[in-house]
Amino acid sequence: MPLTPVELRHQELKRSLFGYKRPAVDRLMTDVADSFELVWRERAEFADRIEALETELKRHQELEGLLRQTLVSAERAAQEVKERATREADVIVNEAHAEARSIKREAIAEKQRLMEEAHRVRGLLRTALEAMDDASEEERKDRRDAPQQAAEATRPGPVLPQPAAAAQASAERTDPDVRRLAG
């Protein structure tokens, strides 16, 4: 059975026939009681310290649990943000592709329209050039025939059109756009 320092101080030893040296044994008992009292106090302090450390450990464990939950929540939130950003990026890329296709279709349609317009203008220019060539040909013919016409002009007969009038008449027979270009 364990004894406390106070109980040790009040312990009385029985004497035997020859006895013991009372002052030496009393000093020893006092030293043992002092030493035991010191160990008893240290043990109490350590018990208090252990209790405080266990309380602090429990608080740290709770904090660790909170930190783990926070970390898991942060990782989950980061993953969700990443997935949302990926979805938004996909939507933006798809919209960009659709816009690119639309622009490409418009460009192809514009190219086709310009090609048709260029073809039409070429046709008009060809017609105008042919009309000009016909007019020039008639003018040269009229110059060659001018001496003969002068002679015929002195004699009565049908009146022939003038070279400028012939070119104008030829231009009027062609497309209205050619007339605009020739004019």
Foldseek 3Di string as FASTA:
>chain_A
DDDALVRLLPDDDDADDVGDDVVVVNVVSNVVSVVRNVVVVVVVVVVVVVVVVVVVVVVVVVVVVVVVVVVVVVVVVVVVVVVVVVVVVVVVVVVVVVVVVVVVVVVVVVVVVVVVVVVVVVVLVVLLVVLVVVLVVVQVVCVVCVVVVVVCVVPDDDDDDDSVVSSVVSQVVDDVVSVVVVD
